[in-house]
Amino acid sequence: MNKEISVAFITPNIKKEWEALKEGKFEDKELYKFIDRAIDDLKVNPTCGIKIAKNLWPKEYIQKYEVSNLWKYNLPNAWRLIYTIESDEVRIVNVILEWFNHKEYEKRFKY
């Protein structure tokens, strides 16, 4: 039996931020499309991103979301989508934590 694969947002607010991009200026609309494409990819292959080494995880993710794994999906124009994967016997859920440009990503991950 294949597991059902879905994508969710960590909070309703994060989902609203993503939906708001659709109504934004050109760059926002582009980013909306990039994330939408990433969501489609994640529904096909939850591990299509790059696994982030545990020693690089921001403490905030561990404290706030109790993540047990962390993944990065590289979007066009050097944007990054950060997600974690949760699963049980019947389904896999890719949970989107946030996205940001490369500069913000470097700040968050202290590169």
PDB file of N, CA and C in Angstrom:
ATOM      1  N   MET A   1       0.836  -1.204   0.000  1.00  0.00           N
ATOM      2  CA  MET A   1       0.000   0.000   0.000  1.00  0.00           C
ATOM      3  C   MET A   1       0.870   1.253   0.000  1.00  0.00           C
ATOM      4  N   ASN A   2       0.572   2.139  -0.917  1.00  0.00           N
ATOM      5  CA  ASN A   2       1.293   3.415  -0.947  1.00  0.00           C
ATOM      6  C   ASN A   2       0.728   4.356   0.095  1.00  0.00           C
ATOM      7  N   LYS A   3       1.615   5.091   0.724  1.00  0.00           N
ATOM      8  CA  LYS A   3       1.166   6.072   1.710  1.00  0.00           C
ATOM      9  C   LYS A   3       0.616   7.298   0.983  1.00  0.00           C
ATOM     10  N   GLU A   4      -0.397   7.905   1.577  1.00  0.00           N
ATOM     11  CA  GLU A   4      -0.948   9.150   1.054  1.00  0.00           C
ATOM     12  C   GLU A   4       0.056  10.261   1.387  1.00  0.00           C
ATOM     13  N   ILE A   5       0.389  11.091   0.409  1.00  0.00           N
ATOM     14  CA  ILE A   5       1.350  12.183   0.625  1.00  0.00           C
ATOM     15  C   ILE A   5       0.617  13.516   0.508  1.00  0.00           C
ATOM     16  N   SER A   6       0.811  14.371   1.501  1.00  0.00           N
ATOM     17  CA  SER A   6       0.193  15.694   1.434  1.00  0.00           C
ATOM     18  C   SER A   6       1.180  16.762   1.902  1.00  0.00           C
ATOM     19  N   VAL A   7       0.791  18.000   1.686  1.00  0.00           N
ATOM     20  CA  VAL A   7       1.612  19.137   2.105  1.00  0.00           C
ATOM     21  C   VAL A   7       0.737  20.039   2.956  1.00  0.00           C
ATOM     22  N   ALA A   8       1.299  20.494   4.073  1.00  0.00           N
ATOM     23  CA  ALA A   8       0.572  21.391   4.970  1.00  0.00           C
ATOM     24  C   ALA A   8       1.498  22.539   5.361  1.00  0.00           C
ATOM     25  N   PHE A   9       0.914  23.557   5.946  1.00  0.00           N
ATOM     26  CA  PHE A   9       1.705  24.675   6.458  1.00  0.00           C
ATOM     27  C   PHE A   9       1.716  24.571   7.973  1.00  0.00           C
ATOM     28  N   ILE A  10       2.824  24.920   8.600  1.00  0.00           N
ATOM     29  CA  ILE A  10       2.977  24.771  10.051  1.00  0.00           C
ATOM     30  C   ILE A  10       1.920  25.558  10.827  1.00  0.00           C
ATOM     31  N   THR A  11       1.503  26.723  10.308  1.00  0.00           N
ATOM     32  CA  THR A  11       0.452  27.514  10.960  1.00  0.00           C
ATOM     33  C   THR A  11      -0.474  28.084   9.884  1.00  0.00           C
ATOM     34  N   PRO A  12      -1.699  28.417  10.269  1.00  0.00           N
ATOM     35  CA  PRO A  12      -2.613  29.054   9.307  1.00  0.00           C
ATOM     36  C   PRO A  12      -2.029  30.371   8.777  1.00  0.00           C
ATOM     37  N   ASN A  13      -1.272  31.064   9.613  1.00  0.00           N
ATOM     38  CA  ASN A  13      -0.654  32.323   9.188  1.00  0.00           C
ATOM     39  C   ASN A  13       0.327  32.149   8.049  1.00  0.00           C
ATOM     40  N   ILE A  14       1.138  31.100   8.128  1.00  0.00           N
ATOM     41  CA  ILE A  14       2.114  30.829   7.064  1.00  0.00           C
ATOM     42  C   ILE A  14       1.356  30.544   5.757  1.00  0.00           C
ATOM     43  N   LYS A  15       0.260  29.799   5.859  1.00  0.00           N
ATOM     44  CA  LYS A  15      -0.539  29.520   4.663  1.00  0.00           C
ATOM     45  C   LYS A  15      -1.108  30.814   4.094  1.00  0.00           C
ATOM     46  N   LYS A  16      -1.592  31.705   4.979  1.00  0.00           N
ATOM     47  CA  LYS A  16      -2.136  32.993   4.526  1.00  0.00           C
ATOM     48  C   LYS A  16      -1.061  33.821   3.825  1.00  0.00           C
ATOM     49  N   GLU A  17       0.152  33.818   4.385  1.00  0.00           N
ATOM     50  CA  GLU A  17       1.256  34.567   3.764  1.00  0.00           C
ATOM     51  C   GLU A  17       1.505  34.057   2.351  1.00  0.00           C
ATOM     52  N   TRP A  18       1.475  32.734   2.187  1.00  0.00           N
ATOM     53  CA  TRP A  18       1.688  32.141   0.868  1.00  0.00           C
ATOM     54  C   TRP A  18       0.556  32.549  -0.079  1.00  0.00           C
ATOM     55  N   GLU A  19      -0.679  32.448   0.387  1.00  0.00           N
ATOM     56  CA  GLU A  19      -1.821  32.815  -0.458  1.00  0.00           C
ATOM     57  C   GLU A  19      -1.803  34.290  -0.826  1.00  0.00           C
ATOM     58  N   ALA A  20      -1.316  35.132   0.085  1.00  0.00           N
ATOM     59  CA  ALA A  20      -1.257  36.582  -0.171  1.00  0.00           C
ATOM     60  C   ALA A  20      -0.265  36.913  -1.287  1.00  0.00           C
ATOM     61  N   LEU A  21       0.743  36.069  -1.464  1.00  0.00           N
ATOM     62  CA  LEU A  21       1.730  36.312  -2.528  1.00  0.00           C
ATOM     63  C   LEU A  21       1.054  36.368  -3.900  1.00  0.00           C
ATOM     64  N   LYS A  22      -0.005  35.571  -4.054  1.00  0.00           N
ATOM     65  CA  LYS A  22      -0.708  35.488  -5.333  1.00  0.00           C
ATOM     66  C   LYS A  22      -1.262  36.842  -5.757  1.00  0.00           C
ATOM     67  N   GLU A  23      -1.606  37.673  -4.769  1.00  0.00           N
ATOM     68  CA  GLU A  23      -2.198  38.984  -5.051  1.00  0.00           C
ATOM     69  C   GLU A  23      -1.160  40.110  -5.071  1.00  0.00           C
ATOM     70  N   GLY A  24       0.087  39.774  -4.792  1.00  0.00           N
ATOM     71  CA  GLY A  24       1.133  40.793  -4.660  1.00  0.00           C
ATOM     72  C   GLY A  24       1.690  41.291  -5.977  1.00  0.00           C
ATOM     73  N   LYS A  25       2.811  41.977  -5.884  1.00  0.00           N
ATOM     74  CA  LYS A  25       3.462  42.492  -7.090  1.00  0.00           C
ATOM     75  C   LYS A  25       4.112  41.333  -7.850  1.00  0.00           C
ATOM     76  N   PHE A  26       4.690  41.636  -8.986  1.00  0.00           N
ATOM     77  CA  PHE A  26       5.214  40.600  -9.883  1.00  0.00           C
ATOM     78  C   PHE A  26       6.106  39.590  -9.158  1.00  0.00           C
ATOM     79  N   GLU A  27       7.060  40.083  -8.349  1.00  0.00           N
ATOM     80  CA  GLU A  27       8.002  39.193  -7.651  1.00  0.00           C
ATOM     81  C   GLU A  27       7.257  38.254  -6.697  1.00  0.00           C
ATOM     82  N   ASP A  28       6.234  38.789  -6.036  1.00  0.00           N
ATOM     83  CA  ASP A  28       5.441  37.969  -5.113  1.00  0.00           C
ATOM     84  C   ASP A  28       4.706  36.861  -5.867  1.00  0.00           C
ATOM     85  N   LYS A  29       4.123  37.235  -7.006  1.00  0.00           N
ATOM     86  CA  LYS A  29       3.399  36.249  -7.812  1.00  0.00           C
ATOM     87  C   LYS A  29       4.351  35.153  -8.294  1.00  0.00           C
ATOM     88  N   GLU A  30       5.552  35.546  -8.677  1.00  0.00           N
ATOM     89  CA  GLU A  30       6.571  34.570  -9.098  1.00  0.00           C
ATOM     90  C   GLU A  30       6.882  33.616  -7.951  1.00  0.00           C
ATOM     91  N   LEU A  31       7.110  34.177  -6.767  1.00  0.00           N
ATOM     92  CA  LEU A  31       7.430  33.360  -5.599  1.00  0.00           C
ATOM     93  C   LEU A  31       6.279  32.409  -5.274  1.00  0.00           C
ATOM     94  N   TYR A  32       5.050  32.891  -5.406  1.00  0.00           N
ATOM     95  CA  TYR A  32       3.874  32.038  -5.194  1.00  0.00           C
ATOM     96  C   TYR A  32       3.950  30.828  -6.127  1.00  0.00           C
ATOM     97  N   LYS A  33       4.273  31.077  -7.407  1.00  0.00           N
ATOM     98  CA  LYS A  33       4.363  29.987  -8.388  1.00  0.00           C
ATOM     99  C   LYS A  33       5.489  29.016  -8.037  1.00  0.00           C
ATOM    100  N   PHE A  34       6.631  29.562  -7.606  1.00  0.00           N
ATOM    101  CA  PHE A  34       7.769  28.701  -7.232  1.00  0.00           C
ATOM    102  C   PHE A  34       7.378  27.771  -6.083  1.00  0.00           C
ATOM    103  N   ILE A  35       6.711  28.337  -5.071  1.00  0.00           N
ATOM    104  CA  ILE A  35       6.307  27.538  -3.905  1.00  0.00           C
ATOM    105  C   ILE A  35       5.235  26.529  -4.306  1.00  0.00           C
ATOM    106  N   ASP A  36       4.318  26.954  -5.159  1.00  0.00           N
ATOM    107  CA  ASP A  36       3.264  26.066  -5.652  1.00  0.00           C
ATOM    108  C   ASP A  36       3.889  24.867  -6.377  1.00  0.00           C
ATOM    109  N   ARG A  37       4.907  25.125  -7.183  1.00  0.00           N
ATOM    110  CA  ARG A  37       5.604  24.057  -7.909  1.00  0.00           C
ATOM    111  C   ARG A  37       6.318  23.136  -6.916  1.00  0.00           C
ATOM    112  N   ALA A  38       6.923  23.734  -5.887  1.00  0.00           N
ATOM    113  CA  ALA A  38       7.605  22.940  -4.855  1.00  0.00           C
ATOM    114  C   ALA A  38       6.600  22.019  -4.163  1.00  0.00           C
ATOM    115  N   ILE A  39       5.407  22.549  -3.873  1.00  0.00           N
ATOM    116  CA  ILE A  39       4.363  21.747  -3.223  1.00  0.00           C
ATOM    117  C   ILE A  39       4.005  20.551  -4.102  1.00  0.00           C
ATOM    118  N   ASP A  40       3.863  20.786  -5.405  1.00  0.00           N
ATOM    119  CA  ASP A  40       3.574  19.678  -6.334  1.00  0.00           C
ATOM    120  C   ASP A  40       4.689  18.640  -6.295  1.00  0.00           C
ATOM    121  N   ASP A  41       5.944  19.100  -6.296  1.00  0.00           N
ATOM    122  CA  ASP A  41       7.090  18.184  -6.247  1.00  0.00           C
ATOM    123  C   ASP A  41       7.096  17.372  -4.958  1.00  0.00           C
ATOM    124  N   LEU A  42       6.808  18.043  -3.841  1.00  0.00           N
ATOM    125  CA  LEU A  42       6.816  17.371  -2.540  1.00  0.00           C
ATOM    126  C   LEU A  42       5.711  16.319  -2.436  1.00  0.00           C
ATOM    127  N   LYS A  43       4.593  16.552  -3.138  1.00  0.00           N
ATOM    128  CA  LYS A  43       3.500  15.573  -3.130  1.00  0.00           C
ATOM    129  C   LYS A  43       3.910  14.300  -3.865  1.00  0.00           C
ATOM    130  N   VAL A  44       4.837  14.434  -4.809  1.00  0.00           N
ATOM    131  CA  VAL A  44       5.330  13.281  -5.562  1.00  0.00           C
ATOM    132  C   VAL A  44       6.481  12.607  -4.814  1.00  0.00           C
ATOM    133  N   ASN A  45       7.395  13.428  -4.295  1.00  0.00           N
ATOM    134  CA  ASN A  45       8.573  12.898  -3.610  1.00  0.00           C
ATOM    135  C   ASN A  45       8.913  13.763  -2.395  1.00  0.00           C
ATOM    136  N   PRO A  46       8.480  13.342  -1.209  1.00  0.00           N
ATOM    137  CA  PRO A  46       8.702  14.145  -0.001  1.00  0.00           C
ATOM    138  C   PRO A  46      10.176  14.453   0.285  1.00  0.00           C
ATOM    139  N   THR A  47      11.066  13.605  -0.181  1.00  0.00           N
ATOM    140  CA  THR A  47      12.490  13.831   0.099  1.00  0.00           C
ATOM    141  C   THR A  47      13.233  14.439  -1.090  1.00  0.00           C
ATOM    142  N   CYS A  48      12.511  15.165  -1.945  1.00  0.00           N
ATOM    143  CA  CYS A  48      13.159  15.768  -3.115  1.00  0.00           C
ATOM    144  C   CYS A  48      14.030  16.965  -2.735  1.00  0.00           C
ATOM    145  N   GLY A  49      13.873  17.452  -1.510  1.00  0.00           N
ATOM    146  CA  GLY A  49      14.720  18.553  -1.045  1.00  0.00           C
ATOM    147  C   GLY A  49      16.067  18.034  -0.577  1.00  0.00           C
ATOM    148  N   ILE A  50      16.788  18.875   0.119  1.00  0.00           N
ATOM    149  CA  ILE A  50      18.108  18.515   0.635  1.00  0.00           C
ATOM    150  C   ILE A  50      17.997  18.443   2.149  1.00  0.00           C
ATOM    151  N   LYS A  51      18.393  17.309   2.708  1.00  0.00           N
ATOM    152  CA  LYS A  51      18.310  17.140   4.162  1.00  0.00           C
ATOM    153  C   LYS A  51      19.339  18.040   4.838  1.00  0.00           C
ATOM    154  N   ILE A  52      18.904  18.751   5.874  1.00  0.00           N
ATOM    155  CA  ILE A  52      19.792  19.672   6.590  1.00  0.00           C
ATOM    156  C   ILE A  52      20.362  18.944   7.805  1.00  0.00           C
ATOM    157  N   ALA A  53      21.675  19.002   7.958  1.00  0.00           N
ATOM    158  CA  ALA A  53      22.343  18.348   9.086  1.00  0.00           C
ATOM    159  C   ALA A  53      21.827  18.918  10.406  1.00  0.00           C
ATOM    160  N   LYS A  54      21.625  18.032  11.372  1.00  0.00           N
ATOM    161  CA  LYS A  54      21.023  18.413  12.653  1.00  0.00           C
ATOM    162  C   LYS A  54      21.783  19.537  13.358  1.00  0.00           C
ATOM    163  N   ASN A  55      23.103  19.532  13.242  1.00  0.00           N
ATOM    164  CA  ASN A  55      23.890  20.574  13.922  1.00  0.00           C
ATOM    165  C   ASN A  55      23.667  21.964  13.342  1.00  0.00           C
ATOM    166  N   LEU A  56      22.993  22.054  12.194  1.00  0.00           N
ATOM    167  CA  LEU A  56      22.703  23.350  11.566  1.00  0.00           C
ATOM    168  C   LEU A  56      21.289  23.851  11.855  1.00  0.00           C
ATOM    169  N   TRP A  57      20.462  23.027  12.483  1.00  0.00           N
ATOM    170  CA  TRP A  57      19.073  23.420  12.716  1.00  0.00           C
ATOM    171  C   TRP A  57      18.994  24.628  13.643  1.00  0.00           C
ATOM    172  N   PRO A  58      18.217  25.638  13.270  1.00  0.00           N
ATOM    173  CA  PRO A  58      17.992  26.768  14.180  1.00  0.00           C
ATOM    174  C   PRO A  58      17.252  26.280  15.429  1.00  0.00           C
ATOM    175  N   LYS A  59      17.696  26.718  16.586  1.00  0.00           N
ATOM    176  CA  LYS A  59      17.066  26.314  17.863  1.00  0.00           C
ATOM    177  C   LYS A  59      15.574  26.601  17.863  1.00  0.00           C
ATOM    178  N   GLU A  60      15.205  27.695  17.237  1.00  0.00           N
ATOM    179  CA  GLU A  60      13.795  28.098  17.167  1.00  0.00           C
ATOM    180  C   GLU A  60      12.912  26.974  16.609  1.00  0.00           C
ATOM    181  N   TYR A  61      13.380  26.276  15.578  1.00  0.00           N
ATOM    182  CA  TYR A  61      12.599  25.190  14.975  1.00  0.00           C
ATOM    183  C   TYR A  61      12.408  24.042  15.965  1.00  0.00           C
ATOM    184  N   ILE A  62      13.447  23.752  16.720  1.00  0.00           N
ATOM    185  CA  ILE A  62      13.384  22.651  17.679  1.00  0.00           C
ATOM    186  C   ILE A  62      12.445  23.015  18.831  1.00  0.00           C
ATOM    187  N   GLN A  63      12.585  24.235  19.347  1.00  0.00           N
ATOM    188  CA  GLN A  63      11.764  24.674  20.470  1.00  0.00           C
ATOM    189  C   GLN A  63      10.308  24.867  20.067  1.00  0.00           C
ATOM    190  N   LYS A  64      10.104  25.566  18.964  1.00  0.00           N
ATOM    191  CA  LYS A  64       8.758  25.945  18.550  1.00  0.00           C
ATOM    192  C   LYS A  64       7.975  24.781  17.929  1.00  0.00           C
ATOM    193  N   TYR A  65       8.639  23.998  17.075  1.00  0.00           N
ATOM    194  CA  TYR A  65       7.934  22.985  16.298  1.00  0.00           C
ATOM    195  C   TYR A  65       8.323  21.545  16.633  1.00  0.00           C
ATOM    196  N   GLU A  66       9.327  21.373  17.516  1.00  0.00           N
ATOM    197  CA  GLU A  66       9.803  20.035  17.882  1.00  0.00           C
ATOM    198  C   GLU A  66      10.100  19.175  16.652  1.00  0.00           C
ATOM    199  N   VAL A  67      10.814  19.734  15.696  1.00  0.00           N
ATOM    200  CA  VAL A  67      11.127  18.996  14.470  1.00  0.00           C
ATOM    201  C   VAL A  67      12.086  17.838  14.759  1.00  0.00           C
ATOM    202  N   SER A  68      11.915  16.757  14.009  1.00  0.00           N
ATOM    203  CA  SER A  68      12.831  15.614  14.139  1.00  0.00           C
ATOM    204  C   SER A  68      13.628  15.421  12.850  1.00  0.00           C
ATOM    205  N   ASN A  69      13.317  16.242  11.852  1.00  0.00           N
ATOM    206  CA  ASN A  69      14.071  16.255  10.595  1.00  0.00           C
ATOM    207  C   ASN A  69      13.823  17.613   9.950  1.00  0.00           C
ATOM    208  N   LEU A  70      14.745  18.033   9.116  1.00  0.00           N
ATOM    209  CA  LEU A  70      14.619  19.350   8.491  1.00  0.00           C
ATOM    210  C   LEU A  70      15.164  19.277   7.078  1.00  0.00           C
ATOM    211  N   TRP A  71      14.422  19.856   6.153  1.00  0.00           N
ATOM    212  CA  TRP A  71      14.758  19.795   4.736  1.00  0.00           C
ATOM    213  C   TRP A  71      14.710  21.191   4.127  1.00  0.00           C
ATOM    214  N   LYS A  72      15.493  21.348   3.070  1.00  0.00           N
ATOM    215  CA  LYS A  72      15.534  22.612   2.331  1.00  0.00           C
ATOM    216  C   LYS A  72      15.226  22.288   0.875  1.00  0.00           C
ATOM    217  N   TYR A  73      14.334  23.054   0.298  1.00  0.00           N
ATOM    218  CA  TYR A  73      14.023  22.922  -1.123  1.00  0.00           C
ATOM    219  C   TYR A  73      14.489  24.214  -1.771  1.00  0.00           C
ATOM    220  N   ASN A  74      15.404  24.111  -2.720  1.00  0.00           N
ATOM    221  CA  ASN A  74      15.911  25.311  -3.390  1.00  0.00           C
ATOM    222  C   ASN A  74      14.922  25.769  -4.449  1.00  0.00           C
ATOM    223  N   LEU A  75      14.416  26.981  -4.266  1.00  0.00           N
ATOM    224  CA  LEU A  75      13.507  27.593  -5.228  1.00  0.00           C
ATOM    225  C   LEU A  75      14.324  28.451  -6.191  1.00  0.00           C
ATOM    226  N   PRO A  76      13.746  28.838  -7.339  1.00  0.00           N
ATOM    227  CA  PRO A  76      14.471  29.741  -8.242  1.00  0.00           C
ATOM    228  C   PRO A  76      14.817  31.071  -7.566  1.00  0.00           C
ATOM    229  N   ASN A  77      15.738  31.796  -8.153  1.00  0.00           N
ATOM    230  CA  ASN A  77      16.164  33.115  -7.667  1.00  0.00           C
ATOM    231  C   ASN A  77      16.721  33.067  -6.240  1.00  0.00           C
ATOM    232  N   ALA A  78      17.347  31.952  -5.899  1.00  0.00           N
ATOM    233  CA  ALA A  78      18.022  31.766  -4.610  1.00  0.00           C
ATOM    234  C   ALA A  78      17.083  31.830  -3.396  1.00  0.00           C
ATOM    235  N   TRP A  79      15.794  31.577  -3.595  1.00  0.00           N
ATOM    236  CA  TRP A  79      14.866  31.469  -2.469  1.00  0.00           C
ATOM    237  C   TRP A  79      14.975  30.063  -1.893  1.00  0.00           C
ATOM    238  N   ARG A  80      14.666  29.917  -0.616  1.00  0.00           N
ATOM    239  CA  ARG A  80      14.726  28.620   0.052  1.00  0.00           C
ATOM    240  C   ARG A  80      13.406  28.337   0.754  1.00  0.00           C
ATOM    241  N   LEU A  81      12.934  27.107   0.631  1.00  0.00           N
ATOM    242  CA  LEU A  81      11.724  26.653   1.319  1.00  0.00           C
ATOM    243  C   LEU A  81      12.184  25.636   2.363  1.00  0.00           C
ATOM    244  N   ILE A  82      11.799  25.850   3.611  1.00  0.00           N
ATOM    245  CA  ILE A  82      12.213  24.957   4.691  1.00  0.00           C
ATOM    246  C   ILE A  82      11.000  24.128   5.120  1.00  0.00           C
ATOM    247  N   TYR A  83      11.197  22.806   5.211  1.00  0.00           N
ATOM    248  CA  TYR A  83      10.091  21.936   5.607  1.00  0.00           C
ATOM    249  C   TYR A  83      10.579  20.766   6.440  1.00  0.00           C
ATOM    250  N   THR A  84       9.631  20.130   7.103  1.00  0.00           N
ATOM    251  CA  THR A  84       9.912  18.922   7.868  1.00  0.00           C
ATOM    252  C   THR A  84       8.926  17.864   7.397  1.00  0.00           C
ATOM    253  N   ILE A  85       9.254  16.604   7.615  1.00  0.00           N
ATOM    254  CA  ILE A  85       8.392  15.510   7.164  1.00  0.00           C
ATOM    255  C   ILE A  85       7.875  14.760   8.386  1.00  0.00           C
ATOM    256  N   GLU A  86       6.567  14.594   8.448  1.00  0.00           N
ATOM    257  CA  GLU A  86       5.950  13.797   9.508  1.00  0.00           C
ATOM    258  C   GLU A  86       5.234  12.636   8.835  1.00  0.00           C
ATOM    259  N   SER A  87       5.297  11.453   9.451  1.00  0.00           N
ATOM    260  CA  SER A  87       4.598  10.325   8.844  1.00  0.00           C
ATOM    261  C   SER A  87       4.129   9.324   9.887  1.00  0.00           C
ATOM    262  N   ASP A  88       3.153   8.532   9.460  1.00  0.00           N
ATOM    263  CA  ASP A  88       2.683   7.414  10.270  1.00  0.00           C
ATOM    264  C   ASP A  88       2.458   6.244   9.301  1.00  0.00           C
ATOM    265  N   GLU A  89       1.716   5.253   9.718  1.00  0.00           N
ATOM    266  CA  GLU A  89       1.530   4.061   8.877  1.00  0.00           C
ATOM    267  C   GLU A  89       0.847   4.359   7.550  1.00  0.00           C
ATOM    268  N   VAL A  90      -0.051   5.359   7.546  1.00  0.00           N
ATOM    269  CA  VAL A  90      -0.856   5.567   6.342  1.00  0.00           C
ATOM    270  C   VAL A  90      -0.526   6.803   5.524  1.00  0.00           C
ATOM    271  N   ARG A  91       0.165   7.777   6.137  1.00  0.00           N
ATOM    272  CA  ARG A  91       0.406   8.982   5.341  1.00  0.00           C
ATOM    273  C   ARG A  91       1.726   9.662   5.679  1.00  0.00           C
ATOM    274  N   ILE A  92       2.134  10.493   4.735  1.00  0.00           N
ATOM    275  CA  ILE A  92       3.325  11.330   4.875  1.00  0.00           C
ATOM    276  C   ILE A  92       2.865  12.770   4.700  1.00  0.00           C
ATOM    277  N   VAL A  93       3.245  13.625   5.626  1.00  0.00           N
ATOM    278  CA  VAL A  93       2.885  15.038   5.513  1.00  0.00           C
ATOM    279  C   VAL A  93       4.160  15.876   5.489  1.00  0.00           C
ATOM    280  N   ASN A  94       4.326  16.631   4.421  1.00  0.00           N
ATOM    281  CA  ASN A  94       5.413  17.602   4.326  1.00  0.00           C
ATOM    282  C   ASN A  94       4.886  18.876   4.960  1.00  0.00           C
ATOM    283  N   VAL A  95       5.542  19.358   6.006  1.00  0.00           N
ATOM    284  CA  VAL A  95       5.061  20.540   6.704  1.00  0.00           C
ATOM    285  C   VAL A  95       5.991  21.710   6.398  1.00  0.00           C
ATOM    286  N   ILE A  96       5.457  22.707   5.705  1.00  0.00           N
ATOM    287  CA  ILE A  96       6.244  23.887   5.347  1.00  0.00           C
ATOM    288  C   ILE A  96       6.367  24.798   6.560  1.00  0.00           C
ATOM    289  N   LEU A  97       7.613  25.112   6.933  1.00  0.00           N
ATOM    290  CA  LEU A  97       7.863  25.977   8.085  1.00  0.00           C
ATOM    291  C   LEU A  97       7.983  27.432   7.650  1.00  0.00           C
ATOM    292  N   GLU A  98       8.767  27.666   6.614  1.00  0.00           N
ATOM    293  CA  GLU A  98       8.906  29.035   6.097  1.00  0.00           C
ATOM    294  C   GLU A  98       9.710  29.018   4.810  1.00  0.00           C
ATOM    295  N   TRP A  99       9.796  30.177   4.190  1.00  0.00           N
ATOM    296  CA  TRP A  99      10.623  30.367   2.999  1.00  0.00           C
ATOM    297  C   TRP A  99      11.260  31.729   3.121  1.00  0.00           C
ATOM    298  N   PHE A 100      12.399  31.871   2.497  1.00  0.00           N
ATOM    299  CA  PHE A 100      13.059  33.177   2.505  1.00  0.00           C
ATOM    300  C   PHE A 100      14.127  33.242   1.435  1.00  0.00           C
ATOM    301  N   ASN A 101      14.582  34.486   1.182  1.00  0.00           N
ATOM    302  CA  ASN A 101      15.634  34.663   0.182  1.00  0.00           C
ATOM    303  C   ASN A 101      16.950  34.176   0.781  1.00  0.00           C
ATOM    304  N   HIS A 102      17.971  34.116  -0.040  1.00  0.00           N
ATOM    305  CA  HIS A 102      19.221  33.506   0.391  1.00  0.00           C
ATOM    306  C   HIS A 102      19.869  34.251   1.549  1.00  0.00           C
ATOM    307  N   LYS A 103      19.751  35.559   1.547  1.00  0.00           N
ATOM    308  CA  LYS A 103      20.351  36.357   2.619  1.00  0.00           C
ATOM    309  C   LYS A 103      19.702  36.036   3.975  1.00  0.00           C
ATOM    310  N   GLU A 104      18.366  35.980   3.974  1.00  0.00           N
ATOM    311  CA  GLU A 104      17.635  35.642   5.203  1.00  0.00           C
ATOM    312  C   GLU A 104      17.927  34.199   5.628  1.00  0.00           C
ATOM    313  N   TYR A 105      18.036  33.329   4.633  1.00  0.00           N
ATOM    314  CA  TYR A 105      18.352  31.919   4.895  1.00  0.00           C
ATOM    315  C   TYR A 105      19.710  31.816   5.591  1.00  0.00           C
ATOM    316  N   GLU A 106      20.695  32.533   5.080  1.00  0.00           N
ATOM    317  CA  GLU A 106      22.039  32.505   5.679  1.00  0.00           C
ATOM    318  C   GLU A 106      22.008  33.026   7.106  1.00  0.00           C
ATOM    319  N   LYS A 107      21.192  34.064   7.332  1.00  0.00           N
ATOM    320  CA  LYS A 107      21.061  34.624   8.676  1.00  0.00           C
ATOM    321  C   LYS A 107      20.432  33.595   9.630  1.00  0.00           C
ATOM    322  N   ARG A 108      19.348  32.988   9.188  1.00  0.00           N
ATOM    323  CA  ARG A 108      18.628  32.015  10.029  1.00  0.00           C
ATOM    324  C   ARG A 108      19.520  30.809  10.363  1.00  0.00           C
ATOM    325  N   PHE A 109      20.282  30.355   9.372  1.00  0.00           N
ATOM    326  CA  PHE A 109      21.114  29.166   9.574  1.00  0.00           C
ATOM    327  C   PHE A 109      22.551  29.498   9.959  1.00  0.00           C
ATOM    328  N   LYS A 110      22.789  30.783  10.195  1.00  0.00           N
ATOM    329  CA  LYS A 110      24.100  31.288  10.651  1.00  0.00           C
ATOM    330  C   LYS A 110      25.273  30.829   9.783  1.00  0.00           C
ATOM    331  N   TYR A 111      25.110  31.044   8.476  1.00  0.00           N
ATOM    332  CA  TYR A 111      26.217  30.728   7.545  1.00  0.00           C
ATOM    333  C   TYR A 111      27.163  31.898   7.463  1.00  0.00           C
TER     334      TYR A 111
END
